[in-house]
């Protein structure tokens, strides 16, 4: 999901704000993981996005359920990056956008958060798609004799959707559809 080193083009102040934002997000994810474990695996609710993201982000994140299966599978990475970025997030060290290792760690942390939130996180000043939900689907079939949909949903909220459906032969009872939704938008 993440474009390599797009953060390197940000200035020190913007990168510092980005690190602070990501650090707050990871704090929330790890806290909810712990609460979920204490509750015996029950869902701890939707992701809560700390205030201040509006000034830092290009676009808008939506409150979405956290993919806790992915958090569990990659918790060591989350914790390691969290520790490595703590002094920058707490303003105990200066951020240097030319520090390739630092930028790679920030990119890695953002990539993990994008996976568990299932949406892009873009900071102001970056040249990449805006923050928010992105849905990318490609479906190819040689033959369709039944129902084939690239995306089937009851409700699709505000989202960036790119669905590509390609079917070779479609039988007499076949249907090939790109997007099949009951409602799109509010």
C-alpha atoms as a PDB file:
ATOM      1  CA  UNK A   1       0.000   0.000   0.000  1.00  0.00           C
ATOM      2  CA  UNK A   2       2.774   2.397   0.813  1.00  0.00           C
ATOM      3  CA  UNK A   3       4.834   4.122  -1.852  1.00  0.00           C
ATOM      4  CA  UNK A   4       8.563   3.887  -1.090  1.00  0.00           C
ATOM      5  CA  UNK A   5       9.900   6.840   0.843  1.00  0.00           C
ATOM      6  CA  UNK A   6       7.255   9.435   0.015  1.00  0.00           C
ATOM      7  CA  UNK A   7       7.794  10.825   3.507  1.00  0.00           C
ATOM      8  CA  UNK A   8      11.359  11.857   2.658  1.00  0.00           C
ATOM      9  CA  UNK A   9       9.961  14.801   0.689  1.00  0.00           C
ATOM     10  CA  UNK A  10       8.310  16.285   3.758  1.00  0.00           C
ATOM     11  CA  UNK A  11      10.041  18.890   5.861  1.00  0.00           C
ATOM     12  CA  UNK A  12      11.177  18.185   9.409  1.00  0.00           C
ATOM     13  CA  UNK A  13       8.108  19.814  11.003  1.00  0.00           C
ATOM     14  CA  UNK A  14       5.613  17.892   8.839  1.00  0.00           C
ATOM     15  CA  UNK A  15       7.491  14.624   9.352  1.00  0.00           C
ATOM     16  CA  UNK A  16       7.566  15.210  13.119  1.00  0.00           C
ATOM     17  CA  UNK A  17       3.795  15.792  13.092  1.00  0.00           C
ATOM     18  CA  UNK A  18       3.343  12.635  11.038  1.00  0.00           C
ATOM     19  CA  UNK A  19       5.412  10.576  13.470  1.00  0.00           C
ATOM     20  CA  UNK A  20       3.441  11.980  16.405  1.00  0.00           C
ATOM     21  CA  UNK A  21       0.171  11.087  14.660  1.00  0.00           C
ATOM     22  CA  UNK A  22       1.270   7.530  13.792  1.00  0.00           C
ATOM     23  CA  UNK A  23       2.630   6.985  17.299  1.00  0.00           C
ATOM     24  CA  UNK A  24      -0.729   8.012  18.792  1.00  0.00           C
ATOM     25  CA  UNK A  25      -2.490   5.613  16.425  1.00  0.00           C
ATOM     26  CA  UNK A  26      -0.237   2.703  17.413  1.00  0.00           C
ATOM     27  CA  UNK A  27      -0.709   3.553  21.075  1.00  0.00           C
ATOM     28  CA  UNK A  28      -4.462   3.230  20.537  1.00  0.00           C
ATOM     29  CA  UNK A  29      -4.171  -0.010  18.553  1.00  0.00           C
ATOM     30  CA  UNK A  30      -1.940  -1.658  21.165  1.00  0.00           C
ATOM     31  CA  UNK A  31      -4.176  -0.418  23.980  1.00  0.00           C
ATOM     32  CA  UNK A  32      -7.267  -1.863  22.288  1.00  0.00           C
ATOM     33  CA  UNK A  33      -5.411  -5.112  21.660  1.00  0.00           C
ATOM     34  CA  UNK A  34      -4.700  -5.379  25.376  1.00  0.00           C
ATOM     35  CA  UNK A  35      -8.337  -4.548  26.263  1.00  0.00           C
ATOM     36  CA  UNK A  36      -9.509  -7.151  23.757  1.00  0.00           C
ATOM     37  CA  UNK A  37      -7.231  -9.788  25.286  1.00  0.00           C
ATOM     38  CA  UNK A  38      -8.494  -8.923  28.779  1.00  0.00           C
ATOM     39  CA  UNK A  39     -12.071  -9.337  27.509  1.00  0.00           C
ATOM     40  CA  UNK A  40     -11.269 -12.799  26.179  1.00  0.00           C
ATOM     41  CA  UNK A  41     -10.995 -11.819  22.512  1.00  0.00           C
ATOM     42  CA  UNK A  42     -14.179  -9.757  22.289  1.00  0.00           C
ATOM     43  CA  UNK A  43     -14.101  -6.823  19.897  1.00  0.00           C
ATOM     44  CA  UNK A  44     -12.989  -3.604  21.519  1.00  0.00           C
ATOM     45  CA  UNK A  45     -14.898  -1.429  19.068  1.00  0.00           C
ATOM     46  CA  UNK A  46     -13.967   0.711  16.109  1.00  0.00           C
ATOM     47  CA  UNK A  47     -10.641   2.434  15.775  1.00  0.00           C
ATOM     48  CA  UNK A  48     -10.571   5.767  17.539  1.00  0.00           C
ATOM     49  CA  UNK A  49      -8.606   8.347  15.646  1.00  0.00           C
ATOM     50  CA  UNK A  50      -6.982  10.873  17.995  1.00  0.00           C
ATOM     51  CA  UNK A  51      -7.658  14.550  17.438  1.00  0.00           C
ATOM     52  CA  UNK A  52      -5.194  16.578  15.428  1.00  0.00           C
ATOM     53  CA  UNK A  53      -5.181  14.343  12.372  1.00  0.00           C
ATOM     54  CA  UNK A  54      -7.077  16.982  10.408  1.00  0.00           C
ATOM     55  CA  UNK A  55      -4.095  19.318  10.373  1.00  0.00           C
ATOM     56  CA  UNK A  56      -1.649  16.527   9.552  1.00  0.00           C
ATOM     57  CA  UNK A  57      -3.521  14.402   7.029  1.00  0.00           C
ATOM     58  CA  UNK A  58      -4.311  14.986   3.392  1.00  0.00           C
ATOM     59  CA  UNK A  59      -7.826  13.620   3.226  1.00  0.00           C
ATOM     60  CA  UNK A  60      -9.859  12.052   5.991  1.00  0.00           C
ATOM     61  CA  UNK A  61      -9.670   8.749   7.840  1.00  0.00           C
ATOM     62  CA  UNK A  62     -12.864   7.011   8.794  1.00  0.00           C
ATOM     63  CA  UNK A  63     -13.423   5.177  12.035  1.00  0.00           C
ATOM     64  CA  UNK A  64     -13.256   1.511  11.054  1.00  0.00           C
ATOM     65  CA  UNK A  65     -12.895  -1.802  12.848  1.00  0.00           C
ATOM     66  CA  UNK A  66      -9.293  -2.719  13.539  1.00  0.00           C
ATOM     67  CA  UNK A  67      -8.102  -5.951  11.898  1.00  0.00           C
ATOM     68  CA  UNK A  68      -6.978  -7.607  15.141  1.00  0.00           C
ATOM     69  CA  UNK A  69      -5.965 -10.810  13.375  1.00  0.00           C
ATOM     70  CA  UNK A  70      -3.370  -8.786  11.489  1.00  0.00           C
ATOM     71  CA  UNK A  71      -2.335  -6.931  14.655  1.00  0.00           C
ATOM     72  CA  UNK A  72      -1.752 -10.273  16.394  1.00  0.00           C
ATOM     73  CA  UNK A  73       0.210 -11.654  13.461  1.00  0.00           C
ATOM     74  CA  UNK A  74       2.486  -8.603  13.367  1.00  0.00           C
ATOM     75  CA  UNK A  75       2.477  -7.375  16.955  1.00  0.00           C
ATOM     76  CA  UNK A  76       6.269  -7.729  17.228  1.00  0.00           C
ATOM     77  CA  UNK A  77       6.715  -5.343  14.292  1.00  0.00           C
ATOM     78  CA  UNK A  78       4.269  -2.857  15.818  1.00  0.00           C
ATOM     79  CA  UNK A  79       6.047  -2.936  19.166  1.00  0.00           C
ATOM     80  CA  UNK A  80       9.530  -2.686  17.662  1.00  0.00           C
ATOM     81  CA  UNK A  81       8.646   0.303  15.470  1.00  0.00           C
ATOM     82  CA  UNK A  82       6.754   1.889  18.361  1.00  0.00           C
ATOM     83  CA  UNK A  83       9.880   1.674  20.526  1.00  0.00           C
ATOM     84  CA  UNK A  84      12.176   2.904  17.740  1.00  0.00           C
ATOM     85  CA  UNK A  85      10.057   5.994  17.073  1.00  0.00           C
ATOM     86  CA  UNK A  86       9.157   6.880  20.665  1.00  0.00           C
ATOM     87  CA  UNK A  87      11.883   9.488  21.192  1.00  0.00           C
ATOM     88  CA  UNK A  88      10.823  11.308  17.998  1.00  0.00           C
ATOM     89  CA  UNK A  89       7.110  11.141  18.867  1.00  0.00           C
ATOM     90  CA  UNK A  90       7.819  12.480  22.345  1.00  0.00           C
ATOM     91  CA  UNK A  91      10.034  15.242  20.890  1.00  0.00           C
ATOM     92  CA  UNK A  92      13.152  13.980  22.658  1.00  0.00           C
ATOM     93  CA  UNK A  93      15.105  13.808  19.388  1.00  0.00           C
ATOM     94  CA  UNK A  94      15.142  15.937  16.254  1.00  0.00           C
ATOM     95  CA  UNK A  95      13.622  14.528  13.082  1.00  0.00           C
ATOM     96  CA  UNK A  96      15.804  14.630   9.981  1.00  0.00           C
ATOM     97  CA  UNK A  97      13.961  13.838   6.715  1.00  0.00           C
ATOM     98  CA  UNK A  98      17.356  12.897   5.204  1.00  0.00           C
ATOM     99  CA  UNK A  99      17.774  10.080   7.765  1.00  0.00           C
ATOM    100  CA  UNK A 100      16.860   7.144   5.525  1.00  0.00           C
ATOM    101  CA  UNK A 101      16.551   4.624   8.393  1.00  0.00           C
ATOM    102  CA  UNK A 102      14.155   6.907  10.244  1.00  0.00           C
ATOM    103  CA  UNK A 103      12.029   7.479   7.146  1.00  0.00           C
ATOM    104  CA  UNK A 104      11.961   3.730   6.405  1.00  0.00           C
ATOM    105  CA  UNK A 105      10.739   3.034   9.955  1.00  0.00           C
ATOM    106  CA  UNK A 106       8.012   5.650   9.647  1.00  0.00           C
ATOM    107  CA  UNK A 107       6.980   4.209   6.255  1.00  0.00           C
ATOM    108  CA  UNK A 108       6.892   0.704   7.774  1.00  0.00           C
ATOM    109  CA  UNK A 109       4.729   1.838  10.695  1.00  0.00           C
ATOM    110  CA  UNK A 110       2.370   3.696   8.395  1.00  0.00           C
ATOM    111  CA  UNK A 111       2.134   0.603   6.169  1.00  0.00           C
ATOM    112  CA  UNK A 112       1.144  -1.568   9.129  1.00  0.00           C
ATOM    113  CA  UNK A 113      -1.509   0.920  10.212  1.00  0.00           C
ATOM    114  CA  UNK A 114      -2.852   1.149   6.670  1.00  0.00           C
ATOM    115  CA  UNK A 115      -3.262  -2.615   6.693  1.00  0.00           C
ATOM    116  CA  UNK A 116      -5.079  -2.814  10.045  1.00  0.00           C
ATOM    117  CA  UNK A 117      -7.282   0.215   9.243  1.00  0.00           C
ATOM    118  CA  UNK A 118      -7.767  -0.913   5.623  1.00  0.00           C
ATOM    119  CA  UNK A 119      -7.252   2.625   4.389  1.00  0.00           C
ATOM    120  CA  UNK A 120      -4.505   4.893   3.148  1.00  0.00           C
ATOM    121  CA  UNK A 121      -2.787   7.359   5.501  1.00  0.00           C
ATOM    122  CA  UNK A 122      -1.329  10.333   3.643  1.00  0.00           C
ATOM    123  CA  UNK A 123       0.219  13.421   5.184  1.00  0.00           C
ATOM    124  CA  UNK A 124      -0.156  16.933   3.818  1.00  0.00           C
ATOM    125  CA  UNK A 125       2.548  17.666   1.288  1.00  0.00           C
ATOM    126  CA  UNK A 126       2.990  14.083   0.083  1.00  0.00           C
ATOM    127  CA  UNK A 127       2.471  13.097  -3.519  1.00  0.00           C
ATOM    128  CA  UNK A 128       0.260  10.048  -3.129  1.00  0.00           C
ATOM    129  CA  UNK A 129      -3.458   9.265  -2.966  1.00  0.00           C
ATOM    130  CA  UNK A 130      -5.352  11.007  -0.178  1.00  0.00           C
ATOM    131  CA  UNK A 131      -6.091   9.418   3.171  1.00  0.00           C
ATOM    132  CA  UNK A 132      -9.208   7.329   3.407  1.00  0.00           C
ATOM    133  CA  UNK A 133     -10.620   4.048   2.328  1.00  0.00           C
ATOM    134  CA  UNK A 134      -9.266   2.519  -0.847  1.00  0.00           C
ATOM    135  CA  UNK A 135     -10.819  -0.526  -2.428  1.00  0.00           C
ATOM    136  CA  UNK A 136      -8.855  -2.164  -5.248  1.00  0.00           C
ATOM    137  CA  UNK A 137     -10.246  -5.338  -6.777  1.00  0.00           C
ATOM    138  CA  UNK A 138      -9.315  -7.212  -9.937  1.00  0.00           C
ATOM    139  CA  UNK A 139     -11.310 -10.276 -10.948  1.00  0.00           C
ATOM    140  CA  UNK A 140     -10.652 -12.316 -14.070  1.00  0.00           C
ATOM    141  CA  UNK A 141     -12.583 -15.380 -15.185  1.00  0.00           C
ATOM    142  CA  UNK A 142     -12.328 -17.457 -18.321  1.00  0.00           C
ATOM    143  CA  UNK A 143     -15.994 -18.459 -18.148  1.00  0.00           C
ATOM    144  CA  UNK A 144     -18.959 -17.350 -16.045  1.00  0.00           C
ATOM    145  CA  UNK A 145     -22.018 -19.579 -15.813  1.00  0.00           C
ATOM    146  CA  UNK A 146     -23.401 -18.106 -12.597  1.00  0.00           C
ATOM    147  CA  UNK A 147     -22.980 -14.840 -10.745  1.00  0.00           C
ATOM    148  CA  UNK A 148     -19.622 -13.010 -10.660  1.00  0.00           C
ATOM    149  CA  UNK A 149     -19.147  -9.630  -8.987  1.00  0.00           C
ATOM    150  CA  UNK A 150     -15.876  -7.818  -8.532  1.00  0.00           C
ATOM    151  CA  UNK A 151     -17.354  -6.136  -5.452  1.00  0.00           C
ATOM    152  CA  UNK A 152     -20.635  -6.959  -3.717  1.00  0.00           C
ATOM    153  CA  UNK A 153     -21.620  -4.864  -0.717  1.00  0.00           C
ATOM    154  CA  UNK A 154     -24.758  -3.826   1.069  1.00  0.00           C
ATOM    155  CA  UNK A 155     -23.467  -0.304   1.767  1.00  0.00           C
ATOM    156  CA  UNK A 156     -20.390   1.467   0.452  1.00  0.00           C
ATOM    157  CA  UNK A 157     -19.613   4.684   2.298  1.00  0.00           C
ATOM    158  CA  UNK A 158     -17.238   7.339   1.080  1.00  0.00           C
ATOM    159  CA  UNK A 159     -14.458   5.356  -0.562  1.00  0.00           C
ATOM    160  CA  UNK A 160     -12.005   5.362  -3.406  1.00  0.00           C
ATOM    161  CA  UNK A 161     -13.091   2.326  -5.424  1.00  0.00           C
ATOM    162  CA  UNK A 162     -11.254   0.727  -8.335  1.00  0.00           C
ATOM    163  CA  UNK A 163     -12.908  -2.503  -9.493  1.00  0.00           C
ATOM    164  CA  UNK A 164     -11.851  -4.295 -12.659  1.00  0.00           C
ATOM    165  CA  UNK A 165     -13.835  -7.319 -13.750  1.00  0.00           C
ATOM    166  CA  UNK A 166     -12.890  -9.265 -16.856  1.00  0.00           C
ATOM    167  CA  UNK A 167     -14.800 -12.283 -18.105  1.00  0.00           C
ATOM    168  CA  UNK A 168     -14.146 -14.347 -21.201  1.00  0.00           C
ATOM    169  CA  UNK A 169     -17.279 -16.347 -22.043  1.00  0.00           C
ATOM    170  CA  UNK A 170     -20.476 -15.549 -20.153  1.00  0.00           C
ATOM    171  CA  UNK A 171     -22.975 -18.388 -20.356  1.00  0.00           C
ATOM    172  CA  UNK A 172     -26.715 -17.917 -20.909  1.00  0.00           C
ATOM    173  CA  UNK A 173     -27.377 -17.941 -17.147  1.00  0.00           C
ATOM    174  CA  UNK A 174     -24.188 -16.035 -16.288  1.00  0.00           C
ATOM    175  CA  UNK A 175     -23.820 -12.514 -14.991  1.00  0.00           C
ATOM    176  CA  UNK A 176     -20.540 -10.622 -14.690  1.00  0.00           C
ATOM    177  CA  UNK A 177     -20.800  -7.398 -12.713  1.00  0.00           C
ATOM    178  CA  UNK A 178     -18.128  -4.908 -11.630  1.00  0.00           C
ATOM    179  CA  UNK A 179     -19.823  -3.395  -8.546  1.00  0.00           C
ATOM    180  CA  UNK A 180     -23.068  -4.680  -7.049  1.00  0.00           C
ATOM    181  CA  UNK A 181     -24.135  -2.482  -4.124  1.00  0.00           C
ATOM    182  CA  UNK A 182     -27.444  -1.791  -2.433  1.00  0.00           C
ATOM    183  CA  UNK A 183     -26.381   1.720  -1.479  1.00  0.00           C
ATOM    184  CA  UNK A 184     -23.368   3.903  -2.203  1.00  0.00           C
ATOM    185  CA  UNK A 185     -22.681   6.975  -0.081  1.00  0.00           C
ATOM    186  CA  UNK A 186     -24.486   8.391   2.954  1.00  0.00           C
END
